Amino acid sequence: MSLLTALGVEKRPSCNVSTTAVLVESQGCRSKDLVNITACSGACSTYTLYSAKMKALEHSCSCCQEVVTSERQIQLTCKDNTEITYTYIHIDTCGCLEVDCSPFAHSETTNTPSRMRSRRRRR
């Protein structure tokens, strides 16, 4: 059993394409039927663990986002019965992509030991 498995870190993230049916509106025109608009949703691996080799905390973050997209076109009907072509981005595939999750090491608001001095009352 690997250390990550022992820590409960998922090996297979559940990042998938989800769809929501909506009426698309643009420039005062709208779709006649509901359109399946896609999104990426689900969990991806994120963890922090101590690395004895680096003598520091190791961070790994990934987020669920689009990997493959395509353009789709639909017709929108306007109030004067004219139609316009509307182009939108359709998500074909989602995946867990690594992102930077390094700590705020250089932030002035970080609580370091030198900043966390206890106060003692004088008697």
PDB file of N, CA and C in Angstrom:
ATOM      1  N   MET A   1       0.841  -1.169   0.000  1.00  0.00           N
ATOM      2  CA  MET A   1       0.000   0.000   0.000  1.00  0.00           C
ATOM      3  C   MET A   1       0.892   1.240   0.000  1.00  0.00           C
ATOM      4  N   SER A   2       0.611   2.185  -0.909  1.00  0.00           N
ATOM      5  CA  SER A   2       1.418   3.400  -0.985  1.00  0.00           C
ATOM      6  C   SER A   2       1.017   4.363   0.129  1.00  0.00           C
ATOM      7  N   LEU A   3       1.887   5.343   0.372  1.00  0.00           N
ATOM      8  CA  LEU A   3       1.620   6.334   1.408  1.00  0.00           C
ATOM      9  C   LEU A   3       0.368   7.132   1.067  1.00  0.00           C
ATOM     10  N   LEU A   4       0.198   7.485  -0.199  1.00  0.00           N
ATOM     11  CA  LEU A   4      -0.970   8.275  -0.597  1.00  0.00           C
ATOM     12  C   LEU A   4      -2.256   7.493  -0.411  1.00  0.00           C
ATOM     13  N   THR A   5      -2.227   6.201  -0.703  1.00  0.00           N
ATOM     14  CA  THR A   5      -3.405   5.369  -0.497  1.00  0.00           C
ATOM     15  C   THR A   5      -3.714   5.280   0.989  1.00  0.00           C
ATOM     16  N   ALA A   6      -2.670   5.128   1.807  1.00  0.00           N
ATOM     17  CA  ALA A   6      -2.854   5.054   3.256  1.00  0.00           C
ATOM     18  C   ALA A   6      -3.440   6.354   3.808  1.00  0.00           C
ATOM     19  N   LEU A   7      -3.105   7.478   3.174  1.00  0.00           N
ATOM     20  CA  LEU A   7      -3.625   8.767   3.614  1.00  0.00           C
ATOM     21  C   LEU A   7      -5.034   9.032   3.087  1.00  0.00           C
ATOM     22  N   GLY A   8      -5.546   8.149   2.258  1.00  0.00           N
ATOM     23  CA  GLY A   8      -6.896   8.315   1.729  1.00  0.00           C
ATOM     24  C   GLY A   8      -6.962   9.165   0.474  1.00  0.00           C
ATOM     25  N   VAL A   9      -5.823   9.395  -0.179  1.00  0.00           N
ATOM     26  CA  VAL A   9      -5.804  10.187  -1.405  1.00  0.00           C
ATOM     27  C   VAL A   9      -6.307   9.311  -2.541  1.00  0.00           C
ATOM     28  N   GLU A  10      -7.286   9.826  -3.273  1.00  0.00           N
ATOM     29  CA  GLU A  10      -7.875   9.051  -4.365  1.00  0.00           C
ATOM     30  C   GLU A  10      -6.882   8.854  -5.502  1.00  0.00           C
ATOM     31  N   LYS A  11      -6.855   7.650  -6.053  1.00  0.00           N
ATOM     32  CA  LYS A  11      -6.044   7.401  -7.234  1.00  0.00           C
ATOM     33  C   LYS A  11      -6.814   7.752  -8.493  1.00  0.00           C
ATOM     34  N   ARG A  12      -8.116   7.509  -8.480  1.00  0.00           N
ATOM     35  CA  ARG A  12      -8.952   7.782  -9.644  1.00  0.00           C
ATOM     36  C   ARG A  12      -9.959   8.875  -9.313  1.00  0.00           C
ATOM     37  N   PRO A  13      -9.648  10.107  -9.701  1.00  0.00           N
ATOM     38  CA  PRO A  13     -10.564  11.204  -9.413  1.00  0.00           C
ATOM     39  C   PRO A  13     -11.867  11.060 -10.209  1.00  0.00           C
ATOM     40  N   SER A  14     -12.913  11.631  -9.672  1.00  0.00           N
ATOM     41  CA  SER A  14     -14.212  11.524 -10.325  1.00  0.00           C
ATOM     42  C   SER A  14     -14.618  12.825 -10.997  1.00  0.00           C
ATOM     43  N   CYS A  15     -13.768  13.334 -11.835  1.00  0.00           N
ATOM     44  CA  CYS A  15     -14.020  14.566 -12.580  1.00  0.00           C
ATOM     45  C   CYS A  15     -14.711  14.204 -13.894  1.00  0.00           C
ATOM     46  N   ASN A  16     -15.923  14.715 -14.106  1.00  0.00           N
ATOM     47  CA  ASN A  16     -16.696  14.353 -15.291  1.00  0.00           C
ATOM     48  C   ASN A  16     -17.428  15.544 -15.885  1.00  0.00           C
ATOM     49  N   VAL A  17     -17.915  15.363 -17.107  1.00  0.00           N
ATOM     50  CA  VAL A  17     -18.760  16.359 -17.764  1.00  0.00           C
ATOM     51  C   VAL A  17     -20.171  16.227 -17.204  1.00  0.00           C
ATOM     52  N   SER A  18     -20.756  17.350 -16.838  1.00  0.00           N
ATOM     53  CA  SER A  18     -22.157  17.366 -16.430  1.00  0.00           C
ATOM     54  C   SER A  18     -22.912  18.316 -17.363  1.00  0.00           C
ATOM     55  N   THR A  19     -24.205  18.095 -17.510  1.00  0.00           N
ATOM     56  CA  THR A  19     -24.999  18.940 -18.398  1.00  0.00           C
ATOM     57  C   THR A  19     -26.186  19.537 -17.655  1.00  0.00           C
ATOM     58  N   THR A  20     -26.542  20.739 -18.077  1.00  0.00           N
ATOM     59  CA  THR A  20     -27.719  21.420 -17.560  1.00  0.00           C
ATOM     60  C   THR A  20     -28.496  21.956 -18.757  1.00  0.00           C
ATOM     61  N   ALA A  21     -29.788  21.687 -18.791  1.00  0.00           N
ATOM     62  CA  ALA A  21     -30.635  22.169 -19.881  1.00  0.00           C
ATOM     63  C   ALA A  21     -31.127  23.576 -19.559  1.00  0.00           C
ATOM     64  N   VAL A  22     -30.804  24.531 -20.441  1.00  0.00           N
ATOM     65  CA  VAL A  22     -31.191  25.931 -20.232  1.00  0.00           C
ATOM     66  C   VAL A  22     -31.702  26.537 -21.527  1.00  0.00           C
ATOM     67  N   LEU A  23     -32.469  27.614 -21.406  1.00  0.00           N
ATOM     68  CA  LEU A  23     -32.827  28.425 -22.563  1.00  0.00           C
ATOM     69  C   LEU A  23     -31.702  29.430 -22.741  1.00  0.00           C
ATOM     70  N   VAL A  24     -31.134  29.488 -23.937  1.00  0.00           N
ATOM     71  CA  VAL A  24     -30.030  30.406 -24.215  1.00  0.00           C
ATOM     72  C   VAL A  24     -30.613  31.717 -24.724  1.00  0.00           C
ATOM     73  N   GLU A  25     -30.135  32.826 -24.150  1.00  0.00           N
ATOM     74  CA  GLU A  25     -30.573  34.151 -24.565  1.00  0.00           C
ATOM     75  C   GLU A  25     -29.371  35.008 -24.909  1.00  0.00           C
ATOM     76  N   SER A  26     -29.509  35.784 -25.998  1.00  0.00           N
ATOM     77  CA  SER A  26     -28.460  36.716 -26.402  1.00  0.00           C
ATOM     78  C   SER A  26     -29.061  37.776 -27.303  1.00  0.00           C
ATOM     79  N   GLN A  27     -28.711  39.014 -27.069  1.00  0.00           N
ATOM     80  CA  GLN A  27     -29.151  40.148 -27.889  1.00  0.00           C
ATOM     81  C   GLN A  27     -30.677  40.204 -28.021  1.00  0.00           C
ATOM     82  N   GLY A  28     -31.391  39.866 -26.975  1.00  0.00           N
ATOM     83  CA  GLY A  28     -32.847  39.909 -26.998  1.00  0.00           C
ATOM     84  C   GLY A  28     -33.487  38.739 -27.737  1.00  0.00           C
ATOM     85  N   CYS A  29     -32.702  37.744 -28.116  1.00  0.00           N
ATOM     86  CA  CYS A  29     -33.206  36.567 -28.827  1.00  0.00           C
ATOM     87  C   CYS A  29     -33.007  35.355 -27.927  1.00  0.00           C
ATOM     88  N   ARG A  30     -33.791  34.288 -28.146  1.00  0.00           N
ATOM     89  CA  ARG A  30     -33.654  33.101 -27.292  1.00  0.00           C
ATOM     90  C   ARG A  30     -33.874  31.830 -28.101  1.00  0.00           C
ATOM     91  N   SER A  31     -33.350  30.741 -27.543  1.00  0.00           N
ATOM     92  CA  SER A  31     -33.501  29.434 -28.197  1.00  0.00           C
ATOM     93  C   SER A  31     -34.940  28.962 -28.055  1.00  0.00           C
ATOM     94  N   LYS A  32     -35.428  28.253 -29.050  1.00  0.00           N
ATOM     95  CA  LYS A  32     -36.794  27.711 -29.005  1.00  0.00           C
ATOM     96  C   LYS A  32     -36.869  26.569 -27.997  1.00  0.00           C
ATOM     97  N   ASP A  33     -35.825  25.744 -27.953  1.00  0.00           N
ATOM     98  CA  ASP A  33     -35.785  24.570 -27.087  1.00  0.00           C
ATOM     99  C   ASP A  33     -34.677  24.721 -26.053  1.00  0.00           C
ATOM    100  N   LEU A  34     -34.725  23.870 -25.048  1.00  0.00           N
ATOM    101  CA  LEU A  34     -33.658  23.831 -24.058  1.00  0.00           C
ATOM    102  C   LEU A  34     -32.374  23.331 -24.718  1.00  0.00           C
ATOM    103  N   VAL A  35     -31.253  23.910 -24.295  1.00  0.00           N
ATOM    104  CA  VAL A  35     -29.941  23.540 -24.830  1.00  0.00           C
ATOM    105  C   VAL A  35     -29.128  22.927 -23.692  1.00  0.00           C
ATOM    106  N   ASN A  36     -28.482  21.799 -23.959  1.00  0.00           N
ATOM    107  CA  ASN A  36     -27.642  21.153 -22.948  1.00  0.00           C
ATOM    108  C   ASN A  36     -26.290  21.869 -22.866  1.00  0.00           C
ATOM    109  N   ILE A  37     -26.116  22.665 -21.821  1.00  0.00           N
ATOM    110  CA  ILE A  37     -24.866  23.382 -21.576  1.00  0.00           C
ATOM    111  C   ILE A  37     -24.023  22.517 -20.646  1.00  0.00           C
ATOM    112  N   THR A  38     -22.757  22.382 -20.975  1.00  0.00           N
ATOM    113  CA  THR A  38     -21.874  21.477 -20.239  1.00  0.00           C
ATOM    114  C   THR A  38     -21.012  22.217 -19.216  1.00  0.00           C
ATOM    115  N   ALA A  39     -20.574  21.473 -18.220  1.00  0.00           N
ATOM    116  CA  ALA A  39     -19.667  21.977 -17.184  1.00  0.00           C
ATOM    117  C   ALA A  39     -18.820  20.812 -16.703  1.00  0.00           C
ATOM    118  N   CYS A  40     -17.705  21.124 -16.076  1.00  0.00           N
ATOM    119  CA  CYS A  40     -16.871  20.098 -15.449  1.00  0.00           C
ATOM    120  C   CYS A  40     -17.148  20.137 -13.957  1.00  0.00           C
ATOM    121  N   SER A  41     -17.348  18.972 -13.370  1.00  0.00           N
ATOM    122  CA  SER A  41     -17.562  18.919 -11.929  1.00  0.00           C
ATOM    123  C   SER A  41     -17.069  17.588 -11.385  1.00  0.00           C
ATOM    124  N   GLY A  42     -16.676  17.621 -10.129  1.00  0.00           N
ATOM    125  CA  GLY A  42     -16.180  16.411  -9.482  1.00  0.00           C
ATOM    126  C   GLY A  42     -14.911  16.696  -8.715  1.00  0.00           C
ATOM    127  N   ALA A  43     -14.449  15.691  -8.013  1.00  0.00           N
ATOM    128  CA  ALA A  43     -13.290  15.832  -7.139  1.00  0.00           C
ATOM    129  C   ALA A  43     -12.007  15.405  -7.842  1.00  0.00           C
ATOM    130  N   CYS A  44     -10.942  16.099  -7.491  1.00  0.00           N
ATOM    131  CA  CYS A  44      -9.598  15.745  -7.954  1.00  0.00           C
ATOM    132  C   CYS A  44      -8.689  15.665  -6.736  1.00  0.00           C
ATOM    133  N   SER A  45      -7.573  14.996  -6.875  1.00  0.00           N
ATOM    134  CA  SER A  45      -6.656  14.811  -5.750  1.00  0.00           C
ATOM    135  C   SER A  45      -5.973  16.111  -5.356  1.00  0.00           C
ATOM    136  N   THR A  46      -5.986  16.382  -4.076  1.00  0.00           N
ATOM    137  CA  THR A  46      -5.264  17.502  -3.491  1.00  0.00           C
ATOM    138  C   THR A  46      -4.760  17.028  -2.136  1.00  0.00           C
ATOM    139  N   TYR A  47      -3.472  17.222  -1.887  1.00  0.00           N
ATOM    140  CA  TYR A  47      -2.939  16.782  -0.605  1.00  0.00           C
ATOM    141  C   TYR A  47      -1.695  17.563  -0.229  1.00  0.00           C
ATOM    142  N   THR A  48      -1.370  17.506   1.042  1.00  0.00           N
ATOM    143  CA  THR A  48      -0.125  18.040   1.585  1.00  0.00           C
ATOM    144  C   THR A  48       0.457  16.961   2.475  1.00  0.00           C
ATOM    145  N   LEU A  49       1.753  16.663   2.285  1.00  0.00           N
ATOM    146  CA  LEU A  49       2.397  15.697   3.158  1.00  0.00           C
ATOM    147  C   LEU A  49       3.860  16.077   3.341  1.00  0.00           C
ATOM    148  N   TYR A  50       4.421  15.598   4.424  1.00  0.00           N
ATOM    149  CA  TYR A  50       5.813  15.897   4.723  1.00  0.00           C
ATOM    150  C   TYR A  50       6.721  15.016   3.887  1.00  0.00           C
ATOM    151  N   SER A  51       7.714  15.632   3.253  1.00  0.00           N
ATOM    152  CA  SER A  51       8.703  14.903   2.478  1.00  0.00           C
ATOM    153  C   SER A  51      10.022  14.912   3.245  1.00  0.00           C
ATOM    154  N   ALA A  52      10.451  13.734   3.691  1.00  0.00           N
ATOM    155  CA  ALA A  52      11.726  13.633   4.406  1.00  0.00           C
ATOM    156  C   ALA A  52      12.891  13.966   3.474  1.00  0.00           C
ATOM    157  N   LYS A  53      12.733  13.635   2.199  1.00  0.00           N
ATOM    158  CA  LYS A  53      13.785  13.901   1.214  1.00  0.00           C
ATOM    159  C   LYS A  53      14.002  15.408   1.039  1.00  0.00           C
ATOM    160  N   MET A  54      12.893  16.160   0.972  1.00  0.00           N
ATOM    161  CA  MET A  54      12.980  17.610   0.789  1.00  0.00           C
ATOM    162  C   MET A  54      13.044  18.368   2.113  1.00  0.00           C
ATOM    163  N   LYS A  55      12.771  17.660   3.215  1.00  0.00           N
ATOM    164  CA  LYS A  55      12.698  18.265   4.537  1.00  0.00           C
ATOM    165  C   LYS A  55      11.718  19.432   4.550  1.00  0.00           C
ATOM    166  N   ALA A  56      10.587  19.211   3.902  1.00  0.00           N
ATOM    167  CA  ALA A  56       9.561  20.248   3.799  1.00  0.00           C
ATOM    168  C   ALA A  56       8.227  19.601   3.457  1.00  0.00           C
ATOM    169  N   LEU A  57       7.191  20.406   3.503  1.00  0.00           N
ATOM    170  CA  LEU A  57       5.875  19.923   3.107  1.00  0.00           C
ATOM    171  C   LEU A  57       5.766  19.916   1.587  1.00  0.00           C
ATOM    172  N   GLU A  58       5.228  18.850   1.063  1.00  0.00           N
ATOM    173  CA  GLU A  58       5.021  18.714  -0.382  1.00  0.00           C
ATOM    174  C   GLU A  58       3.540  18.904  -0.656  1.00  0.00           C
ATOM    175  N   HIS A  59       3.232  19.764  -1.624  1.00  0.00           N
ATOM    176  CA  HIS A  59       1.839  20.060  -1.965  1.00  0.00           C
ATOM    177  C   HIS A  59       1.534  19.548  -3.369  1.00  0.00           C
ATOM    178  N   SER A  60       0.370  18.996  -3.529  1.00  0.00           N
ATOM    179  CA  SER A  60      -0.089  18.569  -4.849  1.00  0.00           C
ATOM    180  C   SER A  60      -1.554  18.946  -4.975  1.00  0.00           C
ATOM    181  N   CYS A  61      -1.868  19.721  -5.994  1.00  0.00           N
ATOM    182  CA  CYS A  61      -3.241  20.163  -6.218  1.00  0.00           C
ATOM    183  C   CYS A  61      -3.607  19.964  -7.682  1.00  0.00           C
ATOM    184  N   SER A  62      -4.832  19.578  -7.915  1.00  0.00           N
ATOM    185  CA  SER A  62      -5.353  19.510  -9.269  1.00  0.00           C
ATOM    186  C   SER A  62      -6.809  19.925  -9.231  1.00  0.00           C
ATOM    187  N   CYS A  63      -7.273  20.481 -10.330  1.00  0.00           N
ATOM    188  CA  CYS A  63      -8.670  20.890 -10.367  1.00  0.00           C
ATOM    189  C   CYS A  63      -9.350  20.303 -11.598  1.00  0.00           C
ATOM    190  N   CYS A  64     -10.636  20.133 -11.469  1.00  0.00           N
ATOM    191  CA  CYS A  64     -11.459  19.545 -12.517  1.00  0.00           C
ATOM    192  C   CYS A  64     -11.784  20.641 -13.535  1.00  0.00           C
ATOM    193  N   GLN A  65     -11.271  20.493 -14.755  1.00  0.00           N
ATOM    194  CA  GLN A  65     -11.538  21.495 -15.791  1.00  0.00           C
ATOM    195  C   GLN A  65     -11.543  20.881 -17.173  1.00  0.00           C
ATOM    196  N   GLU A  66     -11.922  21.688 -18.148  1.00  0.00           N
ATOM    197  CA  GLU A  66     -12.073  21.190 -19.505  1.00  0.00           C
ATOM    198  C   GLU A  66     -10.737  20.752 -20.098  1.00  0.00           C
ATOM    199  N   VAL A  67     -10.775  19.652 -20.856  1.00  0.00           N
ATOM    200  CA  VAL A  67      -9.590  19.146 -21.549  1.00  0.00           C
ATOM    201  C   VAL A  67      -9.807  19.254 -23.050  1.00  0.00           C
ATOM    202  N   VAL A  68     -10.993  18.863 -23.513  1.00  0.00           N
ATOM    203  CA  VAL A  68     -11.341  18.946 -24.931  1.00  0.00           C
ATOM    204  C   VAL A  68     -12.652  19.717 -25.060  1.00  0.00           C
ATOM    205  N   THR A  69     -12.654  20.740 -25.927  1.00  0.00           N
ATOM    206  CA  THR A  69     -13.869  21.518 -26.175  1.00  0.00           C
ATOM    207  C   THR A  69     -14.125  21.607 -27.675  1.00  0.00           C
ATOM    208  N   SER A  70     -15.332  21.970 -28.015  1.00  0.00           N
ATOM    209  CA  SER A  70     -15.679  22.208 -29.417  1.00  0.00           C
ATOM    210  C   SER A  70     -16.687  23.346 -29.462  1.00  0.00           C
ATOM    211  N   GLU A  71     -16.770  23.988 -30.609  1.00  0.00           N
ATOM    212  CA  GLU A  71     -17.756  25.050 -30.785  1.00  0.00           C
ATOM    213  C   GLU A  71     -19.032  24.450 -31.334  1.00  0.00           C
ATOM    214  N   ARG A  72     -20.149  24.915 -30.817  1.00  0.00           N
ATOM    215  CA  ARG A  72     -21.457  24.487 -31.303  1.00  0.00           C
ATOM    216  C   ARG A  72     -22.246  25.722 -31.696  1.00  0.00           C
ATOM    217  N   GLN A  73     -23.143  25.529 -32.636  1.00  0.00           N
ATOM    218  CA  GLN A  73     -23.992  26.631 -33.073  1.00  0.00           C
ATOM    219  C   GLN A  73     -25.454  26.252 -32.940  1.00  0.00           C
ATOM    220  N   ILE A  74     -26.242  27.219 -32.511  1.00  0.00           N
ATOM    221  CA  ILE A  74     -27.683  27.045 -32.436  1.00  0.00           C
ATOM    222  C   ILE A  74     -28.349  28.283 -33.019  1.00  0.00           C
ATOM    223  N   GLN A  75     -29.603  28.150 -33.358  1.00  0.00           N
ATOM    224  CA  GLN A  75     -30.375  29.283 -33.856  1.00  0.00           C
ATOM    225  C   GLN A  75     -31.176  29.874 -32.704  1.00  0.00           C
ATOM    226  N   LEU A  76     -31.132  31.199 -32.583  1.00  0.00           N
ATOM    227  CA  LEU A  76     -31.933  31.912 -31.604  1.00  0.00           C
ATOM    228  C   LEU A  76     -33.005  32.700 -32.346  1.00  0.00           C
ATOM    229  N   THR A  77     -34.215  32.687 -31.826  1.00  0.00           N
ATOM    230  CA  THR A  77     -35.323  33.411 -32.446  1.00  0.00           C
ATOM    231  C   THR A  77     -35.525  34.734 -31.721  1.00  0.00           C
ATOM    232  N   CYS A  78     -35.633  35.803 -32.511  1.00  0.00           N
ATOM    233  CA  CYS A  78     -35.808  37.142 -31.963  1.00  0.00           C
ATOM    234  C   CYS A  78     -37.295  37.504 -31.947  1.00  0.00           C
ATOM    235  N   LYS A  79     -37.640  38.592 -31.251  1.00  0.00           N
ATOM    236  CA  LYS A  79     -39.032  39.012 -31.114  1.00  0.00           C
ATOM    237  C   LYS A  79     -39.679  39.355 -32.451  1.00  0.00           C
ATOM    238  N   ASP A  80     -38.869  39.805 -33.416  1.00  0.00           N
ATOM    239  CA  ASP A  80     -39.426  40.155 -34.735  1.00  0.00           C
ATOM    240  C   ASP A  80     -39.441  38.953 -35.681  1.00  0.00           C
ATOM    241  N   ASN A  81     -39.316  37.731 -35.121  1.00  0.00           N
ATOM    242  CA  ASN A  81     -39.317  36.452 -35.852  1.00  0.00           C
ATOM    243  C   ASN A  81     -38.109  36.231 -36.766  1.00  0.00           C
ATOM    244  N   THR A  82     -37.060  37.029 -36.602  1.00  0.00           N
ATOM    245  CA  THR A  82     -35.829  36.757 -37.334  1.00  0.00           C
ATOM    246  C   THR A  82     -35.007  35.787 -36.478  1.00  0.00           C
ATOM    247  N   GLU A  83     -34.012  35.181 -37.104  1.00  0.00           N
ATOM    248  CA  GLU A  83     -33.143  34.259 -36.384  1.00  0.00           C
ATOM    249  C   GLU A  83     -31.701  34.701 -36.499  1.00  0.00           C
ATOM    250  N   ILE A  84     -30.955  34.447 -35.438  1.00  0.00           N
ATOM    251  CA  ILE A  84     -29.511  34.692 -35.462  1.00  0.00           C
ATOM    252  C   ILE A  84     -28.814  33.395 -35.075  1.00  0.00           C
ATOM    253  N   THR A  85     -27.593  33.238 -35.553  1.00  0.00           N
ATOM    254  CA  THR A  85     -26.792  32.075 -35.194  1.00  0.00           C
ATOM    255  C   THR A  85     -25.953  32.431 -33.975  1.00  0.00           C
ATOM    256  N   TYR A  86     -26.031  31.580 -32.960  1.00  0.00           N
ATOM    257  CA  TYR A  86     -25.290  31.798 -31.722  1.00  0.00           C
ATOM    258  C   TYR A  86     -24.276  30.676 -31.573  1.00  0.00           C
ATOM    259  N   THR A  87     -23.016  31.030 -31.329  1.00  0.00           N
ATOM    260  CA  THR A  87     -21.945  30.054 -31.161  1.00  0.00           C
ATOM    261  C   THR A  87     -21.529  30.013 -29.689  1.00  0.00           C
ATOM    262  N   TYR A  88     -21.410  28.800 -29.148  1.00  0.00           N
ATOM    263  CA  TYR A  88     -20.987  28.644 -27.754  1.00  0.00           C
ATOM    264  C   TYR A  88     -19.967  27.509 -27.658  1.00  0.00           C
ATOM    265  N   ILE A  89     -19.286  27.447 -26.531  1.00  0.00           N
ATOM    266  CA  ILE A  89     -18.269  26.419 -26.308  1.00  0.00           C
ATOM    267  C   ILE A  89     -18.896  25.245 -25.575  1.00  0.00           C
ATOM    268  N   HIS A  90     -18.758  24.068 -26.150  1.00  0.00           N
ATOM    269  CA  HIS A  90     -19.259  22.825 -25.569  1.00  0.00           C
ATOM    270  C   HIS A  90     -18.068  22.048 -25.015  1.00  0.00           C
ATOM    271  N   ILE A  91     -18.183  21.550 -23.783  1.00  0.00           N
ATOM    272  CA  ILE A  91     -17.114  20.763 -23.170  1.00  0.00           C
ATOM    273  C   ILE A  91     -17.331  19.302 -23.531  1.00  0.00           C
ATOM    274  N   ASP A  92     -16.354  18.719 -24.217  1.00  0.00           N
ATOM    275  CA  ASP A  92     -16.423  17.316 -24.618  1.00  0.00           C
ATOM    276  C   ASP A  92     -15.831  16.388 -23.558  1.00  0.00           C
ATOM    277  N   THR A  93     -14.727  16.819 -22.942  1.00  0.00           N
ATOM    278  CA  THR A  93     -14.028  15.988 -21.966  1.00  0.00           C
ATOM    279  C   THR A  93     -13.494  16.861 -20.836  1.00  0.00           C
ATOM    280  N   CYS A  94     -13.581  16.353 -19.612  1.00  0.00           N
ATOM    281  CA  CYS A  94     -13.019  17.021 -18.434  1.00  0.00           C
ATOM    282  C   CYS A  94     -11.914  16.145 -17.852  1.00  0.00           C
ATOM    283  N   GLY A  95     -11.020  16.757 -17.125  1.00  0.00           N
ATOM    284  CA  GLY A  95      -9.963  16.003 -16.469  1.00  0.00           C
ATOM    285  C   GLY A  95      -9.368  16.791 -15.328  1.00  0.00           C
ATOM    286  N   CYS A  96      -8.580  16.113 -14.513  1.00  0.00           N
ATOM    287  CA  CYS A  96      -7.900  16.741 -13.387  1.00  0.00           C
ATOM    288  C   CYS A  96      -6.554  17.276 -13.874  1.00  0.00           C
ATOM    289  N   LEU A  97      -6.399  18.585 -13.855  1.00  0.00           N
ATOM    290  CA  LEU A  97      -5.164  19.210 -14.304  1.00  0.00           C
ATOM    291  C   LEU A  97      -4.461  19.840 -13.113  1.00  0.00           C
ATOM    292  N   GLU A  98      -3.147  19.654 -13.052  1.00  0.00           N
ATOM    293  CA  GLU A  98      -2.359  20.177 -11.936  1.00  0.00           C
ATOM    294  C   GLU A  98      -2.362  21.698 -11.947  1.00  0.00           C
ATOM    295  N   VAL A  99      -2.487  22.263 -10.748  1.00  0.00           N
ATOM    296  CA  VAL A  99      -2.433  23.714 -10.561  1.00  0.00           C
ATOM    297  C   VAL A  99      -1.445  24.022  -9.451  1.00  0.00           C
ATOM    298  N   ASP A 100      -0.963  25.264  -9.414  1.00  0.00           N
ATOM    299  CA  ASP A 100      -0.012  25.669  -8.385  1.00  0.00           C
ATOM    300  C   ASP A 100      -0.754  25.878  -7.077  1.00  0.00           C
ATOM    301  N   CYS A 101      -0.323  25.186  -6.049  1.00  0.00           N
ATOM    302  CA  CYS A 101      -0.942  25.360  -4.732  1.00  0.00           C
ATOM    303  C   CYS A 101       0.129  25.571  -3.674  1.00  0.00           C
ATOM    304  N   SER A 102       1.207  26.231  -4.072  1.00  0.00           N
ATOM    305  CA  SER A 102       2.292  26.472  -3.122  1.00  0.00           C
ATOM    306  C   SER A 102       1.792  27.387  -2.011  1.00  0.00           C
ATOM    307  N   PRO A 103       2.320  27.208  -0.813  1.00  0.00           N
ATOM    308  CA  PRO A 103       1.857  28.007   0.323  1.00  0.00           C
ATOM    309  C   PRO A 103       2.262  29.469   0.183  1.00  0.00           C
ATOM    310  N   PHE A 104       1.660  30.292   0.994  1.00  0.00           N
ATOM    311  CA  PHE A 104       1.928  31.726   0.980  1.00  0.00           C
ATOM    312  C   PHE A 104       3.182  32.008   1.795  1.00  0.00           C
ATOM    313  N   ALA A 105       4.285  31.448   1.388  1.00  0.00           N
ATOM    314  CA  ALA A 105       5.526  31.527   2.154  1.00  0.00           C
ATOM    315  C   ALA A 105       6.053  32.951   2.277  1.00  0.00           C
ATOM    316  N   HIS A 106       5.786  33.770   1.285  1.00  0.00           N
ATOM    317  CA  HIS A 106       6.346  35.113   1.302  1.00  0.00           C
ATOM    318  C   HIS A 106       5.326  36.164   1.710  1.00  0.00           C
ATOM    319  N   SER A 107       4.165  35.749   2.131  1.00  0.00           N
ATOM    320  CA  SER A 107       3.123  36.678   2.547  1.00  0.00           C
ATOM    321  C   SER A 107       3.454  37.257   3.915  1.00  0.00           C
ATOM    322  N   GLU A 108       3.161  38.544   4.099  1.00  0.00           N
ATOM    323  CA  GLU A 108       3.422  39.170   5.392  1.00  0.00           C
ATOM    324  C   GLU A 108       2.412  38.734   6.435  1.00  0.00           C
ATOM    325  N   THR A 109       1.296  38.157   6.027  1.00  0.00           N
ATOM    326  CA  THR A 109       0.276  37.746   6.987  1.00  0.00           C
ATOM    327  C   THR A 109       0.488  36.329   7.480  1.00  0.00           C
ATOM    328  N   THR A 110       1.524  35.658   6.988  1.00  0.00           N
ATOM    329  CA  THR A 110       1.806  34.297   7.426  1.00  0.00           C
ATOM    330  C   THR A 110       2.249  34.307   8.877  1.00  0.00           C
ATOM    331  N   ASN A 111       1.711  33.402   9.662  1.00  0.00           N
ATOM    332  CA  ASN A 111       2.109  33.293  11.060  1.00  0.00           C
ATOM    333  C   ASN A 111       3.335  32.405  11.168  1.00  0.00           C
ATOM    334  N   THR A 112       4.472  33.002  11.313  1.00  0.00           N
ATOM    335  CA  THR A 112       5.707  32.257  11.519  1.00  0.00           C
ATOM    336  C   THR A 112       6.005  32.248  13.009  1.00  0.00           C
ATOM    337  N   PRO A 113       6.871  31.350  13.467  1.00  0.00           N
ATOM    338  CA  PRO A 113       7.177  31.299  14.900  1.00  0.00           C
ATOM    339  C   PRO A 113       7.629  32.638  15.472  1.00  0.00           C
ATOM    340  N   SER A 114       8.370  33.439  14.698  1.00  0.00           N
ATOM    341  CA  SER A 114       8.838  34.717  15.217  1.00  0.00           C
ATOM    342  C   SER A 114       7.687  35.701  15.402  1.00  0.00           C
ATOM    343  N   ARG A 115       6.611  35.527  14.670  1.00  0.00           N
ATOM    344  CA  ARG A 115       5.461  36.416  14.789  1.00  0.00           C
ATOM    345  C   ARG A 115       4.477  35.942  15.853  1.00  0.00           C
ATOM    346  N   MET A 116       4.607  34.696  16.287  1.00  0.00           N
ATOM    347  CA  MET A 116       3.644  34.122  17.224  1.00  0.00           C
ATOM    348  C   MET A 116       4.219  34.097  18.640  1.00  0.00           C
ATOM    349  N   ARG A 117       4.600  35.236  19.142  1.00  0.00           N
ATOM    350  CA  ARG A 117       5.146  35.304  20.494  1.00  0.00           C
ATOM    351  C   ARG A 117       3.998  35.436  21.488  1.00  0.00           C
ATOM    352  N   SER A 118       4.116  34.713  22.547  1.00  0.00           N
ATOM    353  CA  SER A 118       3.061  34.803  23.564  1.00  0.00           C
ATOM    354  C   SER A 118       3.313  36.012  24.459  1.00  0.00           C
ATOM    355  N   ARG A 119       2.217  36.570  24.966  1.00  0.00           N
ATOM    356  CA  ARG A 119       2.330  37.706  25.873  1.00  0.00           C
ATOM    357  C   ARG A 119       2.138  37.214  27.294  1.00  0.00           C
ATOM    358  N   ARG A 120       2.959  37.720  28.183  1.00  0.00           N
ATOM    359  CA  ARG A 120       2.841  37.364  29.583  1.00  0.00           C
ATOM    360  C   ARG A 120       2.438  38.604  30.366  1.00  0.00           C
ATOM    361  N   ARG A 121       1.541  38.375  31.295  1.00  0.00           N
ATOM    362  CA  ARG A 121       1.108  39.470  32.139  1.00  0.00           C
ATOM    363  C   ARG A 121       2.145  39.724  33.224  1.00  0.00           C
ATOM    364  N   ARG A 122       2.335  40.984  33.495  1.00  0.00           N
ATOM    365  CA  ARG A 122       3.224  41.361  34.591  1.00  0.00           C
ATOM    366  C   ARG A 122       2.419  41.399  35.873  1.00  0.00           C
ATOM    367  N   ARG A 123       3.034  40.985  36.936  1.00  0.00           N
ATOM    368  CA  ARG A 123       2.359  40.991  38.242  1.00  0.00           C
ATOM    369  C   ARG A 123       2.862  42.110  39.079  1.00  0.00           C
TER     370      ARG A 123
END
